[in-house]
């Protein structure tokens, strides 16, 4: 058990951040899956900037690595262009 008041506070804030990070990561994965499953070009083209923005925001707060984001953006853009 934590001995200091500040370590108790840190445990609480870490738990809150963990929940928020999980939510953001899961939301991002669902958006990527939805974009991959789309067969309509206009719908996919409309979704692509939103998904890319979501990826960039998750990189900014270190939820995913910047190279993973770059790979996903590249593959998704290629998929949308091939429709």
N, C-alpha and C. Protein backbone atom coordinates (compact mmCIF):
# COMPACT_ATOMS: atom_id res chain seq x y z
N UNK A 1 0.84 -1.18 0.00
CA UNK A 1 0.00 0.00 0.00
C UNK A 1 0.88 1.25 0.00
N UNK A 2 0.41 2.29 -0.63
CA UNK A 2 1.18 3.53 -0.73
C UNK A 2 1.29 4.20 0.65
N UNK A 3 2.42 4.81 0.90
CA UNK A 3 2.67 5.44 2.19
C UNK A 3 2.47 6.95 2.19
N UNK A 4 2.46 7.55 1.02
CA UNK A 4 2.39 9.01 0.94
C UNK A 4 1.09 9.45 0.29
N UNK A 5 0.67 10.63 0.66
CA UNK A 5 -0.54 11.19 0.09
C UNK A 5 -0.39 11.38 -1.43
N UNK A 6 0.78 11.82 -1.84
CA UNK A 6 1.01 12.05 -3.27
C UNK A 6 0.98 10.75 -4.06
N UNK A 7 1.45 9.65 -3.48
CA UNK A 7 1.41 8.37 -4.20
C UNK A 7 -0.02 7.84 -4.29
N UNK A 8 -0.86 8.14 -3.30
CA UNK A 8 -2.26 7.77 -3.39
C UNK A 8 -2.95 8.55 -4.51
N UNK A 9 -2.63 9.83 -4.59
CA UNK A 9 -3.18 10.68 -5.66
C UNK A 9 -2.72 10.18 -7.02
N UNK A 10 -1.46 9.81 -7.11
CA UNK A 10 -0.89 9.33 -8.37
C UNK A 10 -1.59 8.06 -8.82
N UNK A 11 -1.90 7.17 -7.89
CA UNK A 11 -2.60 5.93 -8.22
C UNK A 11 -3.97 6.25 -8.83
N UNK A 12 -4.67 7.21 -8.22
CA UNK A 12 -5.99 7.59 -8.73
C UNK A 12 -5.89 8.19 -10.13
N UNK A 13 -4.95 9.10 -10.33
CA UNK A 13 -4.84 9.75 -11.65
C UNK A 13 -4.38 8.76 -12.71
N UNK A 14 -3.50 7.84 -12.34
CA UNK A 14 -3.06 6.82 -13.30
C UNK A 14 -4.22 5.94 -13.74
N UNK A 15 -5.10 5.60 -12.81
CA UNK A 15 -6.25 4.77 -13.14
C UNK A 15 -7.19 5.50 -14.10
N UNK A 16 -7.42 6.79 -13.85
CA UNK A 16 -8.28 7.58 -14.72
C UNK A 16 -7.70 7.69 -16.12
N UNK A 17 -6.39 7.93 -16.21
CA UNK A 17 -5.73 8.04 -17.51
C UNK A 17 -5.76 6.72 -18.26
N UNK A 18 -5.60 5.60 -17.52
CA UNK A 18 -5.63 4.29 -18.14
C UNK A 18 -6.98 4.03 -18.79
N UNK A 19 -8.04 4.38 -18.10
CA UNK A 19 -9.39 4.19 -18.65
C UNK A 19 -9.59 5.04 -19.89
N UNK A 20 -9.15 6.30 -19.83
CA UNK A 20 -9.30 7.21 -20.97
C UNK A 20 -8.47 6.73 -22.17
N UNK A 21 -7.24 6.28 -21.91
CA UNK A 21 -6.38 5.79 -22.99
C UNK A 21 -6.96 4.54 -23.65
N UNK A 22 -7.53 3.65 -22.85
CA UNK A 22 -8.16 2.45 -23.40
C UNK A 22 -9.34 2.82 -24.29
N UNK A 23 -10.13 3.79 -23.85
CA UNK A 23 -11.28 4.25 -24.63
C UNK A 23 -10.82 4.82 -25.97
N UNK A 24 -9.80 5.68 -25.93
CA UNK A 24 -9.31 6.30 -27.16
C UNK A 24 -8.74 5.25 -28.12
N UNK A 25 -7.99 4.30 -27.59
CA UNK A 25 -7.39 3.26 -28.44
C UNK A 25 -8.46 2.38 -29.05
N UNK A 26 -9.46 2.00 -28.28
CA UNK A 26 -10.53 1.13 -28.78
C UNK A 26 -11.36 1.87 -29.83
N UNK A 27 -11.65 3.14 -29.59
CA UNK A 27 -12.40 3.95 -30.55
C UNK A 27 -11.65 4.06 -31.87
N UNK A 28 -10.34 4.24 -31.77
CA UNK A 28 -9.50 4.33 -32.97
C UNK A 28 -9.52 3.01 -33.74
N UNK A 29 -9.38 1.90 -33.03
CA UNK A 29 -9.38 0.59 -33.70
C UNK A 29 -10.72 0.33 -34.39
N UNK A 30 -11.80 0.70 -33.73
CA UNK A 30 -13.12 0.51 -34.33
C UNK A 30 -13.29 1.36 -35.58
N UNK A 31 -12.78 2.59 -35.55
CA UNK A 31 -12.88 3.47 -36.72
C UNK A 31 -12.08 2.91 -37.89
N UNK A 32 -10.90 2.37 -37.60
CA UNK A 32 -10.07 1.78 -38.65
C UNK A 32 -10.77 0.56 -39.25
N UNK A 33 -11.35 -0.28 -38.39
CA UNK A 33 -12.08 -1.46 -38.87
C UNK A 33 -13.25 -1.07 -39.75
N UNK A 34 -13.98 -0.06 -39.32
CA UNK A 34 -15.15 0.40 -40.07
C UNK A 34 -14.73 0.93 -41.44
N UNK A 35 -13.62 1.67 -41.48
CA UNK A 35 -13.12 2.20 -42.75
C UNK A 35 -12.67 1.07 -43.66
N UNK A 36 -12.01 0.08 -43.11
CA UNK A 36 -11.57 -1.06 -43.93
C UNK A 36 -12.73 -1.84 -44.51
N UNK A 37 -13.83 -1.91 -43.76
CA UNK A 37 -14.98 -2.67 -44.20
C UNK A 37 -15.88 -1.93 -45.17
N UNK A 38 -15.64 -0.65 -45.36
CA UNK A 38 -16.49 0.14 -46.24
C UNK A 38 -16.20 -0.17 -47.70
N UNK A 39 -17.28 -0.29 -48.49
CA UNK A 39 -17.11 -0.56 -49.92
C UNK A 39 -17.51 0.64 -50.78
N UNK A 40 -18.17 1.63 -50.17
CA UNK A 40 -18.60 2.82 -50.89
C UNK A 40 -17.47 3.85 -50.89
N UNK A 41 -17.03 4.27 -52.08
CA UNK A 41 -15.88 5.17 -52.18
C UNK A 41 -16.14 6.53 -51.55
N UNK A 42 -17.33 7.10 -51.76
CA UNK A 42 -17.60 8.43 -51.22
C UNK A 42 -17.66 8.41 -49.69
N UNK A 43 -18.24 7.36 -49.15
CA UNK A 43 -18.30 7.22 -47.68
C UNK A 43 -16.90 7.04 -47.11
N UNK A 44 -16.10 6.21 -47.77
CA UNK A 44 -14.73 5.97 -47.30
C UNK A 44 -13.89 7.24 -47.39
N UNK A 45 -14.07 8.00 -48.48
CA UNK A 45 -13.31 9.24 -48.65
C UNK A 45 -13.70 10.26 -47.58
N UNK A 46 -14.95 10.24 -47.15
CA UNK A 46 -15.39 11.15 -46.10
C UNK A 46 -14.86 10.73 -44.73
N UNK A 47 -14.74 9.41 -44.53
CA UNK A 47 -14.27 8.91 -43.24
C UNK A 47 -12.76 9.03 -43.06
N UNK A 48 -12.02 8.96 -44.17
CA UNK A 48 -10.55 8.92 -44.10
C UNK A 48 -9.94 10.09 -43.31
N UNK A 49 -10.31 11.36 -43.57
CA UNK A 49 -9.69 12.45 -42.80
C UNK A 49 -9.97 12.36 -41.30
N UNK A 50 -11.16 11.88 -40.94
CA UNK A 50 -11.50 11.75 -39.52
C UNK A 50 -10.64 10.69 -38.85
N UNK A 51 -10.44 9.58 -39.55
CA UNK A 51 -9.62 8.50 -38.99
C UNK A 51 -8.16 8.93 -38.89
N UNK A 52 -7.67 9.62 -39.91
CA UNK A 52 -6.28 10.12 -39.88
C UNK A 52 -6.09 11.10 -38.73
N UNK A 53 -7.07 11.96 -38.52
CA UNK A 53 -7.00 12.92 -37.42
C UNK A 53 -6.96 12.18 -36.08
N UNK A 54 -7.78 11.14 -35.95
CA UNK A 54 -7.81 10.35 -34.73
C UNK A 54 -6.46 9.68 -34.48
N UNK A 55 -5.86 9.15 -35.54
CA UNK A 55 -4.54 8.52 -35.41
C UNK A 55 -3.50 9.54 -34.95
N UNK A 56 -3.51 10.72 -35.56
CA UNK A 56 -2.54 11.75 -35.19
C UNK A 56 -2.70 12.19 -33.74
N UNK A 57 -3.94 12.32 -33.28
CA UNK A 57 -4.18 12.70 -31.89
C UNK A 57 -3.67 11.63 -30.94
N UNK A 58 -3.83 10.36 -31.30
CA UNK A 58 -3.36 9.29 -30.44
C UNK A 58 -1.84 9.20 -30.42
N UNK A 59 -1.20 9.59 -31.51
CA UNK A 59 0.27 9.64 -31.52
C UNK A 59 0.75 10.77 -30.60
N UNK A 60 0.04 11.88 -30.65
CA UNK A 60 0.42 13.07 -29.88
C UNK A 60 0.45 12.78 -28.38
N UNK A 61 -0.46 11.94 -27.89
CA UNK A 61 -0.50 11.62 -26.46
C UNK A 61 0.10 10.24 -26.16
N UNK A 62 0.85 9.71 -27.11
CA UNK A 62 1.62 8.46 -26.95
C UNK A 62 0.77 7.24 -26.68
N UNK A 63 -0.41 7.17 -27.30
CA UNK A 63 -1.22 5.96 -27.18
C UNK A 63 -0.73 4.93 -28.18
N UNK A 64 -0.33 5.39 -29.37
CA UNK A 64 0.30 4.51 -30.36
C UNK A 64 1.58 5.16 -30.85
N UNK A 65 2.44 4.37 -31.45
CA UNK A 65 3.72 4.86 -31.95
C UNK A 65 3.52 5.56 -33.29
N UNK A 66 4.37 6.54 -33.57
CA UNK A 66 4.22 7.33 -34.80
C UNK A 66 4.40 6.48 -36.06
N UNK A 67 5.23 5.44 -36.00
CA UNK A 67 5.41 4.59 -37.18
C UNK A 67 4.18 3.73 -37.44
N UNK A 68 3.54 3.28 -36.37
CA UNK A 68 2.30 2.51 -36.53
C UNK A 68 1.24 3.38 -37.18
N UNK A 69 1.17 4.62 -36.74
CA UNK A 69 0.21 5.56 -37.31
C UNK A 69 0.50 5.79 -38.79
N UNK A 70 1.76 5.97 -39.12
CA UNK A 70 2.14 6.21 -40.52
C UNK A 70 1.79 5.01 -41.39
N UNK A 71 2.04 3.79 -40.87
CA UNK A 71 1.71 2.58 -41.63
C UNK A 71 0.21 2.46 -41.84
N UNK A 72 -0.56 2.73 -40.79
CA UNK A 72 -2.02 2.64 -40.91
C UNK A 72 -2.55 3.67 -41.90
N UNK A 73 -2.05 4.90 -41.81
CA UNK A 73 -2.51 5.95 -42.72
C UNK A 73 -2.20 5.60 -44.16
N UNK A 74 -1.02 5.06 -44.40
CA UNK A 74 -0.61 4.67 -45.75
C UNK A 74 -1.52 3.59 -46.30
N UNK A 75 -1.75 2.54 -45.49
CA UNK A 75 -2.58 1.42 -45.95
C UNK A 75 -4.02 1.85 -46.17
N UNK A 76 -4.55 2.67 -45.27
CA UNK A 76 -5.94 3.12 -45.42
C UNK A 76 -6.12 4.02 -46.64
N UNK A 77 -5.15 4.89 -46.88
CA UNK A 77 -5.22 5.77 -48.05
C UNK A 77 -5.17 4.95 -49.33
N UNK A 78 -4.30 3.96 -49.34
CA UNK A 78 -4.20 3.08 -50.51
C UNK A 78 -5.51 2.33 -50.73
N UNK A 79 -6.12 1.87 -49.65
CA UNK A 79 -7.41 1.16 -49.75
C UNK A 79 -8.50 2.06 -50.30
N UNK A 80 -8.60 3.29 -49.79
CA UNK A 80 -9.63 4.22 -50.24
C UNK A 80 -9.42 4.56 -51.71
N UNK A 81 -8.18 4.75 -52.12
CA UNK A 81 -7.90 5.10 -53.51
C UNK A 81 -8.19 3.95 -54.46
N UNK A 82 -8.10 2.70 -53.97
CA UNK A 82 -8.34 1.55 -54.83
C UNK A 82 -9.82 1.23 -55.03
N UNK A 83 -10.68 1.85 -54.21
CA UNK A 83 -12.12 1.59 -54.32
C UNK A 83 -12.69 2.16 -55.62
